Amino acid sequence: MENTVFIFGHKNPDTDSITSALVMENLEKKLGNENVKAVRLGNVNKETKYVLDFLGLEEPELIEKIDDGQEVILVDHNESTQSVDNISNAKILKVVDHHTMNFVAPYQLYYRTEPVGCTQTVLYKMYKENGIEIDKNIATLMLSAIASDTLVLKSPTTTSDDKKIIEDLEKISGLKLETFGVNMLKAGTDISDFTPEQVINIDSKLFEQSNKKFRIAQVNTADLDSIFKNQSYFEQAINEDIEKENLDFYVFAATDIINSNSKIISLGNDAPVVERAFGISVDNNTAMLENVVSRKKQMLPPILNALNNDVNL
């Protein structure tokens, strides 16, 4: 679509990534920028599909690459490794995010990131700042994403801003977070018809630090045993990814949404970094991370610290 500005979140999109693209499209149009379009960089997961089906919304169009000079708006990510493959060809107009900044551009642009639990929390503020009404559908999209990213406000990434905003979104949407959010999370835990390769790519992010390249993949579950009975198949899929992408290590985390713990599989030549990061022993390539549910706040930072410490030794 000629001269259209594409809006998209990260690869292996989660609920925040997909809904933020849709909400950002709505916001831009309300601000008078009609030539914008929400798109996606991967398949919609079952949790997000639950939300879209509830609202009767179509999935955004899938794109795999962009043309030189394509104007884009990034939501819910800022790292090139998590964006469209040829993001260097793009003209990035805006970034709206809630992750650690790992972004450099040789030109001026609108860049907004806040230390909150969800990109939608930032977008909510942008609606309010511009005096734009949040309708029932937009409120539902926002509530869904905050419920997803904060595990219904139970994740340590949850902030007071997220909690206050949820109260308003409940009123506008007519939904109760504890009911709709939990049902949505449970819908996302059904992986019965997924292959191991599909499971590890439901929510997988690529990182590079201290000359190390690694992935942290995460899947929510209400039953850890149902995941780990298939451990050997997951390990095979993970090892194939390690070889294909030349990764130094790979962490696959199954997060128990009921008990707020995560059990991990750690593989790769540099897999022992996980033991140093969390002060644990990995047995049979697995370990339990008690009270750990957030990749952004509880998994990634200790791993990055361990890698940095290795470099400084």
Protein backbone atom coordinates (compact mmCIF):
# COMPACT_ATOMS: atom_id res chain seq x y z
CA MET A 1 0.00 0.00 0.00
CA GLU A 2 1.79 3.06 -1.33
CA ASN A 3 2.77 5.73 1.21
CA THR A 4 1.12 3.82 4.02
CA VAL A 5 2.85 3.92 7.41
CA PHE A 6 3.08 0.42 8.86
CA ILE A 7 2.64 -0.02 12.62
CA PHE A 8 3.92 -3.24 14.15
CA GLY A 9 5.20 -4.91 17.27
CA HIS A 10 7.93 -7.52 17.63
CA LYS A 11 8.33 -10.92 15.99
CA ASN A 12 6.53 -13.85 17.63
CA PRO A 13 3.91 -11.29 18.66
CA ASP A 14 2.15 -11.47 22.02
CA THR A 15 -1.09 -9.79 23.03
CA ASP A 16 0.56 -6.46 23.84
CA SER A 17 2.38 -6.43 20.51
CA ILE A 18 -0.71 -7.08 18.40
CA THR A 19 -3.17 -4.93 20.33
CA SER A 20 -0.73 -2.03 20.64
CA ALA A 21 -0.40 -1.94 16.85
CA LEU A 22 -4.20 -1.81 16.55
CA VAL A 23 -4.55 0.84 19.25
CA MET A 24 -1.70 2.94 17.83
CA GLU A 25 -3.40 2.84 14.43
CA ASN A 26 -6.61 4.11 16.04
CA LEU A 27 -4.74 6.85 17.90
CA GLU A 28 -2.92 8.04 14.78
CA LYS A 29 -6.19 8.22 12.84
CA LYS A 30 -7.85 10.15 15.67
CA LEU A 31 -4.93 12.58 15.44
CA GLY A 32 -5.60 13.03 11.72
CA ASN A 33 -3.05 10.63 10.31
CA GLU A 34 -5.29 8.45 8.14
CA ASN A 35 -2.60 6.72 6.11
CA VAL A 36 -1.53 4.22 8.76
CA LYS A 37 -2.01 0.47 9.01
CA ALA A 38 -1.47 -2.02 11.82
CA VAL A 39 0.38 -5.15 10.66
CA ARG A 40 2.07 -8.10 12.36
CA LEU A 41 5.40 -9.91 12.10
CA GLY A 42 4.22 -13.39 13.03
CA ASN A 43 1.32 -15.65 13.84
CA VAL A 44 -1.28 -14.59 16.39
CA ASN A 45 -1.19 -16.81 19.49
CA LYS A 46 -4.28 -18.35 21.11
CA GLU A 47 -4.39 -15.79 23.91
CA THR A 48 -4.50 -12.91 21.44
CA LYS A 49 -6.97 -14.76 19.23
CA TYR A 50 -9.27 -15.03 22.26
CA VAL A 51 -9.26 -11.24 22.52
CA LEU A 52 -9.75 -10.59 18.80
CA ASP A 53 -12.56 -13.14 18.58
CA PHE A 54 -14.23 -11.60 21.64
CA LEU A 55 -14.28 -8.23 19.85
CA GLY A 56 -14.99 -9.64 16.39
CA LEU A 57 -11.77 -8.15 15.00
CA GLU A 58 -9.65 -9.48 12.15
CA GLU A 59 -5.98 -10.25 12.62
CA PRO A 60 -3.67 -7.55 11.25
CA GLU A 61 -2.05 -8.40 7.92
CA LEU A 62 1.19 -10.41 8.10
CA ILE A 63 4.31 -8.82 6.58
CA GLU A 64 7.72 -10.44 6.23
CA LYS A 65 9.77 -7.57 4.84
CA ILE A 66 9.52 -3.91 3.95
CA ASP A 67 10.62 -1.83 1.00
CA ASP A 68 13.48 0.65 1.15
CA GLY A 69 12.31 3.88 2.74
CA GLN A 70 9.10 2.37 4.14
CA GLU A 71 7.80 4.57 6.95
CA VAL A 72 7.03 2.64 10.11
CA ILE A 73 5.98 3.05 13.73
CA LEU A 74 7.33 0.53 16.22
CA VAL A 75 5.33 -0.54 19.27
CA ASP A 76 6.29 -2.89 22.12
CA HIS A 77 9.89 -3.24 20.93
CA ASN A 78 12.90 -1.23 19.86
CA GLU A 79 15.62 -3.84 19.20
CA SER A 80 16.41 -4.57 15.55
CA THR A 81 16.83 -8.29 16.32
CA GLN A 82 13.16 -8.42 17.34
CA SER A 83 11.85 -6.36 14.43
CA VAL A 84 11.22 -7.00 10.75
CA ASP A 85 14.33 -8.53 9.15
CA ASN A 86 15.22 -5.53 7.00
CA ILE A 87 14.29 -2.84 9.53
CA SER A 88 17.47 -0.95 8.53
CA ASN A 89 15.69 -0.10 5.27
CA ALA A 90 12.89 1.69 7.10
CA LYS A 91 12.27 5.27 8.08
CA ILE A 92 11.17 4.94 11.71
CA LEU A 93 8.78 7.74 12.60
CA LYS A 94 7.87 6.76 16.15
CA VAL A 95 8.62 4.23 18.86
CA VAL A 96 6.22 3.56 21.74
CA ASP A 97 7.52 0.93 24.13
CA HIS A 98 8.04 -0.22 27.72
CA HIS A 99 11.31 -2.12 27.38
CA THR A 100 14.94 -1.24 28.01
CA MET A 101 16.14 1.13 25.31
CA ASN A 102 18.53 -0.46 22.82
CA PHE A 103 18.01 1.90 19.94
CA VAL A 104 20.05 4.34 17.88
CA ALA A 105 18.79 6.33 14.90
CA PRO A 106 20.75 8.84 12.80
CA TYR A 107 17.74 11.17 12.66
CA GLN A 108 15.15 12.73 14.93
CA LEU A 109 11.96 10.85 15.72
CA TYR A 110 9.26 10.55 18.36
CA TYR A 111 10.51 8.09 20.97
CA ARG A 112 8.57 7.23 24.10
CA THR A 113 9.24 4.46 26.56
CA GLU A 114 8.21 4.25 30.20
CA PRO A 115 9.07 1.79 33.00
CA VAL A 116 5.56 0.33 33.19
CA GLY A 117 4.12 -3.14 32.79
CA CYS A 118 2.75 -2.80 29.29
CA THR A 119 2.93 -0.66 26.14
CA GLN A 120 -0.81 -0.12 26.39
CA THR A 121 -0.29 1.74 29.66
CA VAL A 122 1.79 4.26 27.71
CA LEU A 123 -0.79 4.43 24.93
CA TYR A 124 -3.56 5.06 27.46
CA LYS A 125 -1.63 8.11 28.66
CA MET A 126 -1.19 9.31 25.07
CA TYR A 127 -4.95 9.16 24.52
CA LYS A 128 -5.54 11.17 27.68
CA GLU A 129 -2.83 13.71 26.88
CA ASN A 130 -4.39 14.34 23.47
CA GLY A 131 -7.94 14.51 24.80
CA ILE A 132 -9.06 11.51 22.74
CA GLU A 133 -11.91 9.35 24.02
CA ILE A 134 -11.18 5.69 24.68
CA ASP A 135 -14.13 3.65 23.42
CA LYS A 136 -15.20 0.21 24.64
CA ASN A 137 -13.24 -1.76 22.04
CA ILE A 138 -10.03 0.18 22.58
CA ALA A 139 -10.43 -0.16 26.34
CA THR A 140 -10.84 -3.93 25.95
CA LEU A 141 -7.69 -4.15 23.83
CA MET A 142 -5.78 -2.13 26.42
CA LEU A 143 -7.09 -4.15 29.36
CA SER A 144 -6.26 -7.42 27.59
CA ALA A 145 -2.66 -6.43 26.96
CA ILE A 146 -2.07 -5.19 30.51
CA ALA A 147 -3.61 -8.40 31.87
CA SER A 148 -1.31 -10.42 29.61
CA ASP A 149 1.95 -8.58 30.27
CA THR A 150 1.41 -8.32 34.04
CA LEU A 151 -0.24 -11.74 34.52
CA VAL A 152 -3.37 -10.03 35.82
CA LEU A 153 -1.31 -7.53 37.87
CA LYS A 154 0.65 -10.31 39.64
CA SER A 155 3.95 -9.85 37.81
CA PRO A 156 6.73 -7.77 39.43
CA THR A 157 6.65 -5.63 36.29
CA THR A 158 3.28 -4.25 37.44
CA THR A 159 3.36 -0.58 38.42
CA SER A 160 0.95 1.74 40.19
CA ASP A 161 0.20 3.28 36.79
CA ASP A 162 -0.93 -0.09 35.42
CA LYS A 163 -3.22 -0.62 38.42
CA LYS A 164 -4.81 2.82 38.22
CA ILE A 165 -5.37 2.57 34.50
CA ILE A 166 -6.94 -0.88 34.79
CA GLU A 167 -9.60 0.60 37.09
CA ASP A 168 -10.64 3.06 34.38
CA LEU A 169 -10.47 0.44 31.62
CA GLU A 170 -12.74 -1.88 33.59
CA LYS A 171 -15.34 0.89 33.78
CA ILE A 172 -15.14 1.71 30.08
CA SER A 173 -15.04 -1.89 28.83
CA GLY A 174 -17.53 -3.28 31.34
CA LEU A 175 -15.12 -6.17 31.98
CA LYS A 176 -13.61 -7.45 35.19
CA LEU A 177 -9.87 -8.06 35.00
CA GLU A 178 -9.97 -11.07 37.32
CA THR A 179 -12.55 -12.77 35.12
CA PHE A 180 -11.77 -11.75 31.55
CA GLY A 181 -8.01 -11.62 32.11
CA VAL A 182 -7.79 -15.06 33.70
CA ASN A 183 -9.97 -16.62 30.99
CA MET A 184 -7.76 -15.01 28.37
CA LEU A 185 -4.57 -16.34 30.00
CA LYS A 186 -6.05 -19.83 30.25
CA ALA A 187 -6.99 -19.74 26.57
CA GLY A 188 -3.38 -19.01 25.78
CA THR A 189 -2.09 -22.03 27.70
CA ASP A 190 -3.72 -24.57 25.37
CA ILE A 191 -0.84 -25.97 23.33
CA SER A 192 -2.31 -29.42 22.77
CA ASP A 193 -2.26 -29.07 18.98
CA PHE A 194 1.15 -27.38 18.75
CA THR A 195 4.39 -29.02 17.65
CA PRO A 196 7.45 -28.53 19.91
CA GLU A 197 8.84 -26.12 17.31
CA GLN A 198 5.66 -24.06 17.47
CA VAL A 199 5.60 -24.05 21.28
CA ILE A 200 9.12 -22.67 21.67
CA ASN A 201 8.28 -19.95 19.17
CA ILE A 202 5.01 -18.81 20.76
CA ASP A 203 6.89 -16.02 22.55
CA SER A 204 10.61 -16.13 21.79
CA LYS A 205 12.97 -13.15 21.76
CA LEU A 206 16.51 -12.91 20.45
CA PHE A 207 19.16 -11.00 22.41
CA GLU A 208 22.82 -10.11 21.87
CA GLN A 209 25.14 -9.07 24.69
CA SER A 210 28.90 -9.29 25.33
CA ASN A 211 29.41 -11.03 21.97
CA LYS A 212 26.88 -13.68 22.96
CA LYS A 213 23.73 -14.42 20.99
CA PHE A 214 20.86 -16.11 22.79
CA ARG A 215 17.12 -16.59 22.96
CA ILE A 216 14.72 -16.55 25.88
CA ALA A 217 11.42 -18.20 25.00
CA GLN A 218 8.44 -18.25 27.32
CA VAL A 219 5.12 -20.07 27.40
CA ASN A 220 2.39 -19.77 30.02
CA THR A 221 0.85 -22.91 31.49
CA ALA A 222 -1.47 -24.01 34.26
CA ASP A 223 0.30 -27.40 34.46
CA LEU A 224 4.11 -27.62 34.33
CA ASP A 225 4.03 -31.43 34.19
CA SER A 226 2.10 -31.31 30.93
CA ILE A 227 4.96 -29.32 29.41
CA PHE A 228 7.90 -31.26 30.78
CA LYS A 229 6.57 -34.71 29.94
CA ASN A 230 7.65 -33.73 26.42
CA GLN A 231 11.04 -32.35 27.46
CA SER A 232 13.07 -34.44 25.00
CA TYR A 233 11.03 -33.13 22.07
CA PHE A 234 11.43 -29.54 23.20
CA GLU A 235 15.18 -30.05 23.60
CA GLN A 236 15.40 -31.37 20.06
CA ALA A 237 13.57 -28.31 18.72
CA ILE A 238 15.73 -25.97 20.81
CA ASN A 239 18.97 -27.59 19.64
CA GLU A 240 17.84 -27.24 16.04
CA ASP A 241 17.30 -23.51 16.61
CA ILE A 242 20.69 -23.19 18.31
CA GLU A 243 22.39 -24.74 15.29
CA LYS A 244 20.32 -22.84 12.72
CA GLU A 245 20.85 -19.42 14.32
CA ASN A 246 24.33 -20.09 15.71
CA LEU A 247 23.18 -19.30 19.24
CA ASP A 248 25.48 -19.47 22.25
CA PHE A 249 22.66 -20.62 24.50
CA TYR A 250 18.88 -20.89 24.72
CA VAL A 251 16.54 -20.57 27.69
CA PHE A 252 13.00 -21.92 27.42
CA ALA A 253 10.78 -20.95 30.35
CA ALA A 254 7.42 -22.51 31.14
CA THR A 255 5.67 -20.10 33.50
CA ASP A 256 3.06 -21.45 35.91
CA ILE A 257 0.33 -18.78 35.96
CA ILE A 258 -1.31 -20.42 38.98
CA ASN A 259 1.70 -20.64 41.33
CA SER A 260 3.83 -17.83 39.83
CA ASN A 261 6.96 -19.91 39.18
CA SER A 262 8.90 -20.77 36.06
CA LYS A 263 10.66 -23.99 35.13
CA ILE A 264 13.35 -23.66 32.51
CA ILE A 265 15.25 -25.71 29.98
CA SER A 266 18.75 -24.35 29.41
CA LEU A 267 20.80 -25.57 26.45
CA GLY A 268 23.82 -24.48 24.41
CA ASN A 269 27.58 -24.15 24.83
CA ASP A 270 27.16 -21.24 27.22
CA ALA A 271 24.15 -22.67 29.07
CA PRO A 272 26.07 -22.60 32.42
CA VAL A 273 25.62 -18.82 32.42
CA VAL A 274 22.12 -19.54 33.70
CA GLU A 275 23.50 -21.15 36.86
CA ARG A 276 25.65 -18.12 37.56
CA ALA A 277 22.81 -15.74 36.77
CA PHE A 278 20.30 -17.27 39.16
CA GLY A 279 22.55 -19.01 41.69
CA ILE A 280 20.99 -22.37 40.89
CA SER A 281 22.06 -25.82 39.79
CA VAL A 282 20.76 -27.07 36.48
CA ASP A 283 19.95 -30.78 36.55
CA ASN A 284 19.02 -32.67 33.39
CA ASN A 285 19.08 -29.28 31.60
CA THR A 286 16.26 -28.01 33.84
CA ALA A 287 15.82 -25.83 36.90
CA MET A 288 12.97 -24.24 38.82
CA LEU A 289 12.98 -20.47 39.22
CA GLU A 290 10.84 -19.77 42.26
CA ASN A 291 8.66 -16.63 42.11
CA VAL A 292 10.03 -15.79 38.66
CA VAL A 293 7.45 -14.96 35.99
CA SER A 294 8.77 -11.96 34.06
CA ARG A 295 11.29 -12.37 31.26
CA LYS A 296 11.89 -8.62 31.08
CA LYS A 297 12.44 -7.95 34.77
CA GLN A 298 13.41 -11.29 36.35
CA MET A 299 15.03 -13.44 33.65
CA LEU A 300 16.90 -11.17 31.27
CA PRO A 301 18.66 -8.80 33.75
CA PRO A 302 20.44 -11.55 35.77
CA ILE A 303 21.58 -13.19 32.54
CA LEU A 304 22.92 -9.91 31.17
CA ASN A 305 24.71 -9.24 34.48
CA ALA A 306 26.31 -12.68 34.40
CA LEU A 307 27.50 -12.14 30.83
CA ASN A 308 28.95 -8.75 31.72
CA ASN A 309 30.71 -10.24 34.74
CA ASP A 310 32.22 -12.95 32.52
CA VAL A 311 33.65 -10.27 30.23
CA ASN A 312 35.14 -8.33 33.15
CA LEU A 313 36.86 -11.35 34.72
